[in-house]
PDB file of N, CA and C in Angstrom:
ATOM      1  N   MET A   1    -136.489  44.738 152.752  1.00  0.00           N
ATOM      2  CA  MET A   1    -136.134  45.397 153.983  1.00  0.00           C
ATOM      3  C   MET A   1    -135.514  44.357 154.923  1.00  0.00           C
ATOM      4  N   ARG A   2    -134.489  44.766 155.649  1.00  0.00           N
ATOM      5  CA  ARG A   2    -133.848  43.873 156.623  1.00  0.00           C
ATOM      6  C   ARG A   2    -134.463  44.114 157.989  1.00  0.00           C
ATOM      7  N   ILE A   3    -134.948  43.034 158.600  1.00  0.00           N
ATOM      8  CA  ILE A   3    -135.658  43.104 159.875  1.00  0.00           C
ATOM      9  C   ILE A   3    -134.989  42.167 160.871  1.00  0.00           C
ATOM     10  N   LEU A   4    -134.767  42.693 162.086  1.00  0.00           N
ATOM     11  CA  LEU A   4    -134.199  41.884 163.158  1.00  0.00           C
ATOM     12  C   LEU A   4    -135.241  41.662 164.232  1.00  0.00           C
ATOM     13  N   PHE A   5    -135.434  40.402 164.623  1.00  0.00           N
ATOM     14  CA  PHE A   5    -136.316  40.053 165.730  1.00  0.00           C
ATOM     15  C   PHE A   5    -135.498  39.935 167.009  1.00  0.00           C
ATOM     16  N   ASP A   6    -135.956  40.565 168.062  1.00  0.00           N
ATOM     17  CA  ASP A   6    -135.366  40.450 169.381  1.00  0.00           C
ATOM     18  C   ASP A   6    -135.743  39.089 169.973  1.00  0.00           C
ATOM     19  N   GLN A   7    -135.165  38.762 171.118  1.00  0.00           N
ATOM     20  CA  GLN A   7    -135.386  37.473 171.773  1.00  0.00           C
ATOM     21  C   GLN A   7    -136.854  37.115 172.000  1.00  0.00           C
ATOM     22  N   GLY A   8    -137.668  38.062 172.450  1.00  0.00           N
ATOM     23  CA  GLY A   8    -139.048  37.736 172.803  1.00  0.00           C
ATOM     24  C   GLY A   8    -140.033  37.775 171.652  1.00  0.00           C
ATOM     25  N   THR A   9    -139.584  38.157 170.483  1.00  0.00           N
ATOM     26  CA  THR A   9    -140.485  38.264 169.329  1.00  0.00           C
ATOM     27  C   THR A   9    -140.806  36.868 168.803  1.00  0.00           C
ATOM     28  N   PRO A  10    -142.085  36.508 168.740  1.00  0.00           N
ATOM     29  CA  PRO A  10    -142.450  35.167 168.267  1.00  0.00           C
ATOM     30  C   PRO A  10    -141.985  34.922 166.822  1.00  0.00           C
ATOM     31  N   VAL A  11    -141.206  33.886 166.635  1.00  0.00           N
ATOM     32  CA  VAL A  11    -140.643  33.573 165.332  1.00  0.00           C
ATOM     33  C   VAL A  11    -141.704  33.317 164.256  1.00  0.00           C
ATOM     34  N   PRO A  12    -142.880  32.746 164.576  1.00  0.00           N
ATOM     35  CA  PRO A  12    -143.879  32.545 163.518  1.00  0.00           C
ATOM     36  C   PRO A  12    -144.296  33.841 162.806  1.00  0.00           C
ATOM     37  N   LEU A  13    -144.056  34.983 163.423  1.00  0.00           N
ATOM     38  CA  LEU A  13    -144.371  36.266 162.774  1.00  0.00           C
ATOM     39  C   LEU A  13    -143.575  36.426 161.485  1.00  0.00           C
ATOM     40  N   ARG A  14    -142.427  35.811 161.402  1.00  0.00           N
ATOM     41  CA  ARG A  14    -141.584  35.960 160.211  1.00  0.00           C
ATOM     42  C   ARG A  14    -142.292  35.434 158.959  1.00  0.00           C
ATOM     43  N   LEU A  15    -143.193  34.470 159.099  1.00  0.00           N
ATOM     44  CA  LEU A  15    -143.930  33.953 157.941  1.00  0.00           C
ATOM     45  C   LEU A  15    -144.783  35.038 157.292  1.00  0.00           C
ATOM     46  N   HIS A  16    -145.214  36.006 158.074  1.00  0.00           N
ATOM     47  CA  HIS A  16    -146.029  37.106 157.560  1.00  0.00           C
ATOM     48  C   HIS A  16    -145.174  38.217 156.959  1.00  0.00           C
ATOM     49  N   LEU A  17    -143.870  38.101 157.120  1.00  0.00           N
ATOM     50  CA  LEU A  17    -142.926  39.088 156.589  1.00  0.00           C
ATOM     51  C   LEU A  17    -142.028  38.440 155.535  1.00  0.00           C
ATOM     52  N   ALA A  18    -142.573  37.466 154.825  1.00  0.00           N
ATOM     53  CA  ALA A  18    -141.789  36.666 153.877  1.00  0.00           C
ATOM     54  C   ALA A  18    -141.168  37.504 152.763  1.00  0.00           C
ATOM     55  N   ALA A  19    -141.719  38.653 152.471  1.00  0.00           N
ATOM     56  CA  ALA A  19    -141.165  39.516 151.415  1.00  0.00           C
ATOM     57  C   ALA A  19    -139.910  40.242 151.884  1.00  0.00           C
ATOM     58  N   HIS A  20    -139.579  40.102 153.158  1.00  0.00           N
ATOM     59  CA  HIS A  20    -138.439  40.810 153.742  1.00  0.00           C
ATOM     60  C   HIS A  20    -137.381  39.818 154.218  1.00  0.00           C
ATOM     61  N   ASP A  21    -136.182  40.334 154.474  1.00  0.00           N
ATOM     62  CA  ASP A  21    -135.088  39.533 155.028  1.00  0.00           C
ATOM     63  C   ASP A  21    -135.186  39.628 156.544  1.00  0.00           C
ATOM     64  N   VAL A  22    -135.695  38.571 157.178  1.00  0.00           N
ATOM     65  CA  VAL A  22    -135.907  38.559 158.629  1.00  0.00           C
ATOM     66  C   VAL A  22    -134.925  37.591 159.270  1.00  0.00           C
ATOM     67  N   GLN A  23    -134.225  38.089 160.296  1.00  0.00           N
ATOM     68  CA  GLN A  23    -133.323  37.251 161.070  1.00  0.00           C
ATOM     69  C   GLN A  23    -133.588  37.503 162.543  1.00  0.00           C
ATOM     70  N   THR A  24    -133.176  36.566 163.371  1.00  0.00           N
ATOM     71  CA  THR A  24    -133.354  36.737 164.807  1.00  0.00           C
ATOM     72  C   THR A  24    -131.999  36.991 165.469  1.00  0.00           C
ATOM     73  N   ALA A  25    -132.047  37.645 166.620  1.00  0.00           N
ATOM     74  CA  ALA A  25    -130.823  37.879 167.385  1.00  0.00           C
ATOM     75  C   ALA A  25    -130.160  36.541 167.711  1.00  0.00           C
ATOM     76  N   PHE A  26    -130.959  35.539 168.018  1.00  0.00           N
ATOM     77  CA  PHE A  26    -130.424  34.213 168.327  1.00  0.00           C
ATOM     78  C   PHE A  26    -129.653  33.632 167.145  1.00  0.00           C
ATOM     79  N   GLU A  27    -130.246  33.702 165.949  1.00  0.00           N
ATOM     80  CA  GLU A  27    -129.604  33.153 164.756  1.00  0.00           C
ATOM     81  C   GLU A  27    -128.242  33.799 164.483  1.00  0.00           C
ATOM     82  N   LEU A  28    -128.135  35.065 164.817  1.00  0.00           N
ATOM     83  CA  LEU A  28    -126.902  35.804 164.562  1.00  0.00           C
ATOM     84  C   LEU A  28    -125.880  35.675 165.697  1.00  0.00           C
ATOM     85  N   GLY A  29    -126.247  34.946 166.752  1.00  0.00           N
ATOM     86  CA  GLY A  29    -125.346  34.795 167.886  1.00  0.00           C
ATOM     87  C   GLY A  29    -125.291  36.036 168.767  1.00  0.00           C
ATOM     88  N   TRP A  30    -126.344  36.848 168.711  1.00  0.00           N
ATOM     89  CA  TRP A  30    -126.389  38.110 169.448  1.00  0.00           C
ATOM     90  C   TRP A  30    -127.257  38.014 170.703  1.00  0.00           C
ATOM     91  N   SER A  31    -127.555  36.820 171.155  1.00  0.00           N
ATOM     92  CA  SER A  31    -128.442  36.635 172.307  1.00  0.00           C
ATOM     93  C   SER A  31    -127.926  37.292 173.580  1.00  0.00           C
ATOM     94  N   ALA A  32    -126.623  37.382 173.743  1.00  0.00           N
ATOM     95  CA  ALA A  32    -126.053  37.932 174.972  1.00  0.00           C
ATOM     96  C   ALA A  32    -125.948  39.455 174.945  1.00  0.00           C
ATOM     97  N   LEU A  33    -126.199  40.067 173.787  1.00  0.00           N
ATOM     98  CA  LEU A  33    -126.089  41.526 173.692  1.00  0.00           C
ATOM     99  C   LEU A  33    -127.249  42.203 174.406  1.00  0.00           C
ATOM    100  N   GLN A  34    -126.943  43.261 175.123  1.00  0.00           N
ATOM    101  CA  GLN A  34    -127.980  44.081 175.769  1.00  0.00           C
ATOM    102  C   GLN A  34    -128.611  44.978 174.705  1.00  0.00           C
ATOM    103  N   ASN A  35    -129.739  45.609 175.029  1.00  0.00           N
ATOM    104  CA  ASN A  35    -130.486  46.377 174.037  1.00  0.00           C
ATOM    105  C   ASN A  35    -129.657  47.400 173.271  1.00  0.00           C
ATOM    106  N   GLY A  36    -128.888  48.234 173.979  1.00  0.00           N
ATOM    107  CA  GLY A  36    -128.090  49.245 173.296  1.00  0.00           C
ATOM    108  C   GLY A  36    -127.072  48.628 172.358  1.00  0.00           C
ATOM    109  N   GLU A  37    -126.388  47.596 172.836  1.00  0.00           N
ATOM    110  CA  GLU A  37    -125.402  46.902 172.012  1.00  0.00           C
ATOM    111  C   GLU A  37    -126.068  46.217 170.826  1.00  0.00           C
ATOM    112  N   LEU A  38    -127.233  45.662 171.060  1.00  0.00           N
ATOM    113  CA  LEU A  38    -127.960  44.964 170.005  1.00  0.00           C
ATOM    114  C   LEU A  38    -128.401  45.932 168.909  1.00  0.00           C
ATOM    115  N   ILE A  39    -128.874  47.085 169.296  1.00  0.00           N
ATOM    116  CA  ILE A  39    -129.286  48.092 168.307  1.00  0.00           C
ATOM    117  C   ILE A  39    -128.087  48.570 167.493  1.00  0.00           C
ATOM    118  N   VAL A  40    -126.959  48.807 168.150  1.00  0.00           N
ATOM    119  CA  VAL A  40    -125.745  49.234 167.444  1.00  0.00           C
ATOM    120  C   VAL A  40    -125.299  48.151 166.459  1.00  0.00           C
ATOM    121  N   ALA A  41    -125.303  46.897 166.894  1.00  0.00           N
ATOM    122  CA  ALA A  41    -124.912  45.783 166.027  1.00  0.00           C
ATOM    123  C   ALA A  41    -125.871  45.654 164.842  1.00  0.00           C
ATOM    124  N   ALA A  42    -127.156  45.824 165.105  1.00  0.00           N
ATOM    125  CA  ALA A  42    -128.162  45.729 164.039  1.00  0.00           C
ATOM    126  C   ALA A  42    -127.968  46.826 163.005  1.00  0.00           C
ATOM    127  N   GLU A  43    -127.712  48.030 163.465  1.00  0.00           N
ATOM    128  CA  GLU A  43    -127.474  49.135 162.529  1.00  0.00           C
ATOM    129  C   GLU A  43    -126.221  48.883 161.701  1.00  0.00           C
ATOM    130  N   ALA A  44    -125.156  48.426 162.356  1.00  0.00           N
ATOM    131  CA  ALA A  44    -123.899  48.155 161.653  1.00  0.00           C
ATOM    132  C   ALA A  44    -124.073  47.057 160.605  1.00  0.00           C
ATOM    133  N   ALA A  45    -124.982  46.119 160.863  1.00  0.00           N
ATOM    134  CA  ALA A  45    -125.231  45.013 159.933  1.00  0.00           C
ATOM    135  C   ALA A  45    -126.241  45.387 158.844  1.00  0.00           C
ATOM    136  N   GLY A  46    -126.752  46.604 158.895  1.00  0.00           N
ATOM    137  CA  GLY A  46    -127.659  47.072 157.844  1.00  0.00           C
ATOM    138  C   GLY A  46    -129.128  46.775 158.055  1.00  0.00           C
ATOM    139  N   PHE A  47    -129.512  46.405 159.282  1.00  0.00           N
ATOM    140  CA  PHE A  47    -130.930  46.183 159.551  1.00  0.00           C
ATOM    141  C   PHE A  47    -131.646  47.528 159.576  1.00  0.00           C
ATOM    142  N   GLN A  48    -132.855  47.545 159.052  1.00  0.00           N
ATOM    143  CA  GLN A  48    -133.640  48.773 158.998  1.00  0.00           C
ATOM    144  C   GLN A  48    -134.725  48.816 160.066  1.00  0.00           C
ATOM    145  N   VAL A  49    -135.167  47.635 160.510  1.00  0.00           N
ATOM    146  CA  VAL A  49    -136.243  47.555 161.494  1.00  0.00           C
ATOM    147  C   VAL A  49    -135.865  46.540 162.569  1.00  0.00           C
ATOM    148  N   PHE A  50    -136.137  46.908 163.815  1.00  0.00           N
ATOM    149  CA  PHE A  50    -135.901  46.037 164.962  1.00  0.00           C
ATOM    150  C   PHE A  50    -137.261  45.781 165.599  1.00  0.00           C
ATOM    151  N   VAL A  51    -137.709  44.528 165.591  1.00  0.00           N
ATOM    152  CA  VAL A  51    -139.000  44.155 166.157  1.00  0.00           C
ATOM    153  C   VAL A  51    -138.752  43.503 167.512  1.00  0.00           C
ATOM    154  N   THR A  52    -139.404  44.032 168.537  1.00  0.00           N
ATOM    155  CA  THR A  52    -139.177  43.571 169.897  1.00  0.00           C
ATOM    156  C   THR A  52    -140.482  43.562 170.683  1.00  0.00           C
ATOM    157  N   THR A  53    -140.477  42.858 171.790  1.00  0.00           N
ATOM    158  CA  THR A  53    -141.608  42.902 172.724  1.00  0.00           C
ATOM    159  C   THR A  53    -141.191  43.611 174.007  1.00  0.00           C
ATOM    160  N   ASP A  54    -140.016  44.217 174.006  1.00  0.00           N
ATOM    161  CA  ASP A  54    -139.488  44.911 175.178  1.00  0.00           C
ATOM    162  C   ASP A  54    -140.079  46.314 175.264  1.00  0.00           C
ATOM    163  N   ARG A  55    -141.118  46.456 176.075  1.00  0.00           N
ATOM    164  CA  ARG A  55    -141.814  47.734 176.170  1.00  0.00           C
ATOM    165  C   ARG A  55    -141.007  48.797 176.916  1.00  0.00           C
ATOM    166  N   ASN A  56    -139.925  48.423 177.580  1.00  0.00           N
ATOM    167  CA  ASN A  56    -139.087  49.389 178.295  1.00  0.00           C
ATOM    168  C   ASN A  56    -138.022  50.019 177.408  1.00  0.00           C
ATOM    169  N   LEU A  57    -137.902  49.542 176.191  1.00  0.00           N
ATOM    170  CA  LEU A  57    -136.847  50.003 175.300  1.00  0.00           C
ATOM    171  C   LEU A  57    -136.891  51.511 175.067  1.00  0.00           C
ATOM    172  N   LYS A  58    -138.086  52.071 174.947  1.00  0.00           N
ATOM    173  CA  LYS A  58    -138.176  53.509 174.671  1.00  0.00           C
ATOM    174  C   LYS A  58    -137.658  54.350 175.834  1.00  0.00           C
ATOM    175  N   TYR A  59    -137.635  53.792 177.026  1.00  0.00           N
ATOM    176  CA  TYR A  59    -137.115  54.513 178.181  1.00  0.00           C
ATOM    177  C   TYR A  59    -135.607  54.316 178.342  1.00  0.00           C
ATOM    178  N   GLN A  60    -135.074  53.285 177.691  1.00  0.00           N
ATOM    179  CA  GLN A  60    -133.665  52.926 177.857  1.00  0.00           C
ATOM    180  C   GLN A  60    -132.768  53.462 176.753  1.00  0.00           C
ATOM    181  N   GLN A  61    -133.356  53.785 175.599  1.00  0.00           N
ATOM    182  CA  GLN A  61    -132.542  54.149 174.441  1.00  0.00           C
ATOM    183  C   GLN A  61    -132.954  55.499 173.866  1.00  0.00           C
ATOM    184  N   ASN A  62    -131.961  56.268 173.427  1.00  0.00           N
ATOM    185  CA  ASN A  62    -132.217  57.504 172.699  1.00  0.00           C
ATOM    186  C   ASN A  62    -132.263  57.136 171.217  1.00  0.00           C
ATOM    187  N   LEU A  63    -133.394  57.326 170.599  1.00  0.00           N
ATOM    188  CA  LEU A  63    -133.567  56.910 169.211  1.00  0.00           C
ATOM    189  C   LEU A  63    -133.377  58.048 168.212  1.00  0.00           C
ATOM    190  N   ARG A  64    -133.134  59.239 168.703  1.00  0.00           N
ATOM    191  CA  ARG A  64    -133.096  60.429 167.849  1.00  0.00           C
ATOM    192  C   ARG A  64    -132.187  60.283 166.631  1.00  0.00           C
ATOM    193  N   ASP A  65    -130.969  59.845 166.803  1.00  0.00           N
ATOM    194  CA  ASP A  65    -130.019  59.782 165.692  1.00  0.00           C
ATOM    195  C   ASP A  65    -129.801  58.365 165.161  1.00  0.00           C
ATOM    196  N   ARG A  66    -130.726  57.497 165.428  1.00  0.00           N
ATOM    197  CA  ARG A  66    -130.605  56.109 164.993  1.00  0.00           C
ATOM    198  C   ARG A  66    -130.982  55.961 163.523  1.00  0.00           C
ATOM    199  N   LYS A  67    -130.368  54.958 162.878  1.00  0.00           N
ATOM    200  CA  LYS A  67    -130.700  54.607 161.501  1.00  0.00           C
ATOM    201  C   LYS A  67    -131.831  53.583 161.461  1.00  0.00           C
ATOM    202  N   ILE A  68    -131.975  52.861 162.559  1.00  0.00           N
ATOM    203  CA  ILE A  68    -132.935  51.764 162.626  1.00  0.00           C
ATOM    204  C   ILE A  68    -134.267  52.260 163.197  1.00  0.00           C
ATOM    205  N   SER A  69    -135.330  51.614 162.805  1.00  0.00           N
ATOM    206  CA  SER A  69    -136.666  51.920 163.325  1.00  0.00           C
ATOM    207  C   SER A  69    -137.085  50.793 164.254  1.00  0.00           C
ATOM    208  N   LEU A  70    -137.757  51.141 165.345  1.00  0.00           N
ATOM    209  CA  LEU A  70    -138.206  50.137 166.312  1.00  0.00           C
ATOM    210  C   LEU A  70    -139.710  49.925 166.204  1.00  0.00           C
ATOM    211  N   VAL A  71    -140.106  48.665 166.174  1.00  0.00           N
ATOM    212  CA  VAL A  71    -141.505  48.274 166.238  1.00  0.00           C
ATOM    213  C   VAL A  71    -141.635  47.433 167.501  1.00  0.00           C
ATOM    214  N   VAL A  72    -142.390  47.945 168.463  1.00  0.00           N
ATOM    215  CA  VAL A  72    -142.539  47.284 169.755  1.00  0.00           C
ATOM    216  C   VAL A  72    -143.929  46.677 169.847  1.00  0.00           C
ATOM    217  N   ILE A  73    -143.992  45.366 169.964  1.00  0.00           N
ATOM    218  CA  ILE A  73    -145.254  44.656 170.106  1.00  0.00           C
ATOM    219  C   ILE A  73    -145.502  44.490 171.600  1.00  0.00           C
ATOM    220  N   LEU A  74    -146.625  44.983 172.080  1.00  0.00           N
ATOM    221  CA  LEU A  74    -146.887  45.031 173.511  1.00  0.00           C
ATOM    222  C   LEU A  74    -147.444  43.722 174.079  1.00  0.00           C
ATOM    223  N   SER A  75    -146.934  42.619 173.562  1.00  0.00           N
ATOM    224  CA  SER A  75    -147.248  41.285 174.062  1.00  0.00           C
ATOM    225  C   SER A  75    -146.252  40.323 173.428  1.00  0.00           C
ATOM    226  N   ALA A  76    -145.964  39.233 174.101  1.00  0.00           N
ATOM    227  CA  ALA A  76    -145.121  38.187 173.521  1.00  0.00           C
ATOM    228  C   ALA A  76    -145.946  36.943 173.203  1.00  0.00           C
ATOM    229  N   SER A  77    -147.255  37.045 173.371  1.00  0.00           N
ATOM    230  CA  SER A  77    -148.146  35.906 173.165  1.00  0.00           C
ATOM    231  C   SER A  77    -148.516  35.773 171.684  1.00  0.00           C
ATOM    232  N   TRP A  78    -147.983  34.742 171.035  1.00  0.00           N
ATOM    233  CA  TRP A  78    -148.266  34.555 169.614  1.00  0.00           C
ATOM    234  C   TRP A  78    -149.763  34.429 169.319  1.00  0.00           C
ATOM    235  N   PRO A  79    -150.545  33.693 170.085  1.00  0.00           N
ATOM    236  CA  PRO A  79    -151.979  33.629 169.790  1.00  0.00           C
ATOM    237  C   PRO A  79    -152.641  35.014 169.789  1.00  0.00           C
ATOM    238  N   ARG A  80    -152.241  35.883 170.696  1.00  0.00           N
ATOM    239  CA  ARG A  80    -152.802  37.241 170.748  1.00  0.00           C
ATOM    240  C   ARG A  80    -152.230  38.127 169.643  1.00  0.00           C
ATOM    241  N   ILE A  81    -150.951  37.965 169.333  1.00  0.00           N
ATOM    242  CA  ILE A  81    -150.300  38.788 168.307  1.00  0.00           C
ATOM    243  C   ILE A  81    -150.912  38.532 166.936  1.00  0.00           C
ATOM    244  N   GLN A  82    -151.348  37.307 166.689  1.00  0.00           N
ATOM    245  CA  GLN A  82    -151.907  36.974 165.375  1.00  0.00           C
ATOM    246  C   GLN A  82    -153.055  37.910 164.975  1.00  0.00           C
ATOM    247  N   ALA A  83    -153.789  38.399 165.958  1.00  0.00           N
ATOM    248  CA  ALA A  83    -154.918  39.290 165.671  1.00  0.00           C
ATOM    249  C   ALA A  83    -154.484  40.656 165.158  1.00  0.00           C
ATOM    250  N   VAL A  84    -153.230  41.030 165.403  1.00  0.00           N
ATOM    251  CA  VAL A  84    -152.773  42.359 164.997  1.00  0.00           C
ATOM    252  C   VAL A  84    -151.651  42.304 163.952  1.00  0.00           C
ATOM    253  N   VAL A  85    -151.496  41.187 163.296  1.00  0.00           N
ATOM    254  CA  VAL A  85    -150.468  41.067 162.263  1.00  0.00           C
ATOM    255  C   VAL A  85    -150.599  42.172 161.206  1.00  0.00           C
ATOM    256  N   PRO A  86    -151.801  42.530 160.735  1.00  0.00           N
ATOM    257  CA  PRO A  86    -151.887  43.619 159.751  1.00  0.00           C
ATOM    258  C   PRO A  86    -151.311  44.943 160.275  1.00  0.00           C
ATOM    259  N   GLU A  87    -151.502  45.223 161.552  1.00  0.00           N
ATOM    260  CA  GLU A  87    -150.953  46.440 162.135  1.00  0.00           C
ATOM    261  C   GLU A  87    -149.429  46.384 162.216  1.00  0.00           C
ATOM    262  N   ILE A  88    -148.905  45.207 162.504  1.00  0.00           N
ATOM    263  CA  ILE A  88    -147.452  45.037 162.549  1.00  0.00           C
ATOM    264  C   ILE A  88    -146.867  45.243 161.157  1.00  0.00           C
ATOM    265  N   LEU A  89    -147.486  44.643 160.151  1.00  0.00           N
ATOM    266  CA  LEU A  89    -147.018  44.805 158.773  1.00  0.00           C
ATOM    267  C   LEU A  89    -147.049  46.272 158.359  1.00  0.00           C
ATOM    268  N   ALA A  90    -148.107  46.977 158.706  1.00  0.00           N
ATOM    269  CA  ALA A  90    -148.213  48.409 158.383  1.00  0.00           C
ATOM    270  C   ALA A  90    -147.103  49.203 159.057  1.00  0.00           C
ATOM    271  N   ALA A  91    -146.805  48.892 160.308  1.00  0.00           N
ATOM    272  CA  ALA A  91    -145.742  49.590 161.035  1.00  0.00           C
ATOM    273  C   ALA A  91    -144.382  49.328 160.390  1.00  0.00           C
ATOM    274  N   VAL A  92    -144.144  48.109 159.965  1.00  0.00           N
ATOM    275  CA  VAL A  92    -142.882  47.769 159.301  1.00  0.00           C
ATOM    276  C   VAL A  92    -142.759  48.530 157.987  1.00  0.00           C
ATOM    277  N   LEU A  93    -143.830  48.557 157.219  1.00  0.00           N
ATOM    278  CA  LEU A  93    -143.794  49.248 155.925  1.00  0.00           C
ATOM    279  C   LEU A  93    -143.619  50.758 156.068  1.00  0.00           C
ATOM    280  N   ARG A  94    -144.079  51.319 157.170  1.00  0.00           N
ATOM    281  CA  ARG A  94    -143.956  52.763 157.413  1.00  0.00           C
ATOM    282  C   ARG A  94    -142.681  53.130 158.170  1.00  0.00           C
ATOM    283  N   ALA A  95    -141.853  52.159 158.451  1.00  0.00           N
ATOM    284  CA  ALA A  95    -140.653  52.385 159.260  1.00  0.00           C
ATOM    285  C   ALA A  95    -139.748  53.428 158.621  1.00  0.00           C
ATOM    286  N   GLU A  96    -139.268  54.323 159.468  1.00  0.00           N
ATOM    287  CA  GLU A  96    -138.326  55.357 159.050  1.00  0.00           C
ATOM    288  C   GLU A  96    -137.153  55.360 160.022  1.00  0.00           C
ATOM    289  N   PRO A  97    -135.979  55.786 159.582  1.00  0.00           N
ATOM    290  CA  PRO A  97    -134.830  55.836 160.490  1.00  0.00           C
ATOM    291  C   PRO A  97    -135.165  56.601 161.776  1.00  0.00           C
ATOM    292  N   GLY A  98    -134.841  56.002 162.901  1.00  0.00           N
ATOM    293  CA  GLY A  98    -135.113  56.628 164.187  1.00  0.00           C
ATOM    294  C   GLY A  98    -136.566  56.547 164.616  1.00  0.00           C
ATOM    295  N   GLY A  99    -137.388  55.850 163.835  1.00  0.00           N
ATOM    296  CA  GLY A  99    -138.815  55.747 164.131  1.00  0.00           C
ATOM    297  C   GLY A  99    -139.107  54.797 165.272  1.00  0.00           C
ATOM    298  N   TYR A 100    -140.289  54.975 165.834  1.00  0.00           N
ATOM    299  CA  TYR A 100    -140.733  54.141 166.953  1.00  0.00           C
ATOM    300  C   TYR A 100    -142.229  53.939 166.833  1.00  0.00           C
ATOM    301  N   ARG A 101    -142.660  52.693 166.844  1.00  0.00           N
ATOM    302  CA  ARG A 101    -144.083  52.356 166.799  1.00  0.00           C
ATOM    303  C   ARG A 101    -144.369  51.313 167.868  1.00  0.00           C
ATOM    304  N   GLU A 102    -145.484  51.494 168.560  1.00  0.00           N
ATOM    305  CA  GLU A 102    -145.953  50.488 169.511  1.00  0.00           C
ATOM    306  C   GLU A 102    -147.218  49.869 168.945  1.00  0.00           C
ATOM    307  N   ILE A 103    -147.293  48.562 169.026  1.00  0.00           N
ATOM    308  CA  ILE A 103    -148.468  47.829 168.561  1.00  0.00           C
ATOM    309  C   ILE A 103    -149.178  47.281 169.796  1.00  0.00           C
ATOM    310  N   ASN A 104    -150.354  47.813 170.065  1.00  0.00           N
ATOM    311  CA  ASN A 104    -151.162  47.298 171.171  1.00  0.00           C
ATOM    312  C   ASN A 104    -151.722  45.937 170.789  1.00  0.00           C
ATOM    313  N   VAL A 105    -151.743  45.036 171.742  1.00  0.00           N
ATOM    314  CA  VAL A 105    -152.268  43.695 171.513  1.00  0.00           C
ATOM    315  C   VAL A 105    -153.361  43.471 172.547  1.00  0.00           C
ATOM    316  N   PRO A 106    -154.598  43.830 172.193  1.00  0.00           N
ATOM    317  CA  PRO A 106    -155.706  43.716 173.143  1.00  0.00           C
ATOM    318  C   PRO A 106    -155.996  42.270 173.530  1.00  0.00           C
ATOM    319  N   LYS A 107    -156.475  42.116 174.741  1.00  0.00           N
ATOM    320  CA  LYS A 107    -156.830  40.781 175.234  1.00  0.00           C
ATOM    321  C   LYS A 107    -158.148  40.281 174.657  1.00  0.00           C
ATOM    322  N   ALA A 108    -159.042  41.205 174.305  1.00  0.00           N
ATOM    323  CA  ALA A 108    -160.380  40.836 173.864  1.00  0.00           C
ATOM    324  C   ALA A 108    -160.488  40.690 172.346  1.00  0.00           C
ATOM    325  N   GLY A 109    -159.357  40.658 171.637  1.00  0.00           N
ATOM    326  CA  GLY A 109    -159.405  40.467 170.201  1.00  0.00           C
ATOM    327  C   GLY A 109    -159.633  41.738 169.408  1.00  0.00           C
ATOM    328  N   LYS A 110    -159.671  42.914 170.055  1.00  0.00           N
ATOM    329  CA  LYS A 110    -159.807  44.170 169.343  1.00  0.00           C
ATOM    330  C   LYS A 110    -158.465  44.528 168.740  1.00  0.00           C
ATOM    331  N   ARG A 111    -158.497  45.268 167.639  1.00  0.00           N
ATOM    332  CA  ARG A 111    -157.260  45.701 166.995  1.00  0.00           C
ATOM    333  C   ARG A 111    -157.020  47.152 167.290  1.00  0.00           C
ATOM    334  N   SER A 112    -155.762  47.472 167.585  1.00  0.00           N
ATOM    335  CA  SER A 112    -155.405  48.850 167.901  1.00  0.00           C
ATOM    336  C   SER A 112    -153.934  49.088 167.671  1.00  0.00           C
ATOM    337  N   MET A 113    -153.593  50.269 167.135  1.00  0.00           N
ATOM    338  CA  MET A 113    -152.204  50.613 166.926  1.00  0.00           C
ATOM    339  C   MET A 113    -151.988  52.034 167.407  1.00  0.00           C
ATOM    340  N   SER A 114    -150.902  52.253 168.156  1.00  0.00           N
ATOM    341  CA  SER A 114    -150.577  53.598 168.586  1.00  0.00           C
ATOM    342  C   SER A 114    -149.208  53.978 168.076  1.00  0.00           C
ATOM    343  N   GLY A 115    -148.919  55.251 168.098  1.00  0.00           N
ATOM    344  CA  GLY A 115    -147.624  55.731 167.684  1.00  0.00           C
ATOM    345  C   GLY A 115    -147.507  55.997 166.200  1.00  0.00           C
ATOM    346  N   LEU A 116    -148.606  55.928 165.451  1.00  0.00           N
ATOM    347  CA  LEU A 116    -148.534  56.205 164.019  1.00  0.00           C
ATOM    348  C   LEU A 116    -148.841  57.610 163.726  1.00  0.00           C
TER     349      LEU A 116
END
């Protein structure tokens, strides 16, 4: 599966997705693209999943006819995200075109996933 990481997505997460082709917006020279442009570019490049920490994305974009699935991690803190890596992996594996999943990242170390 082809996965694109947005700017705020912690790069160490890619180690947990080693079975997939993971690239970052920065690596592709797409850092200056806004969310809508970035999603269009990702779809055109054949990405199937867009992983981001931008919780406002669902209010900014219409995902109905999209080919790409969005996985939104509700924190950019890598130490906190590590506790929910299994939930992130599950969301990626369940990704469907036009899909949207939010991964809650509790402060107290509890695991929780919404949007499934």
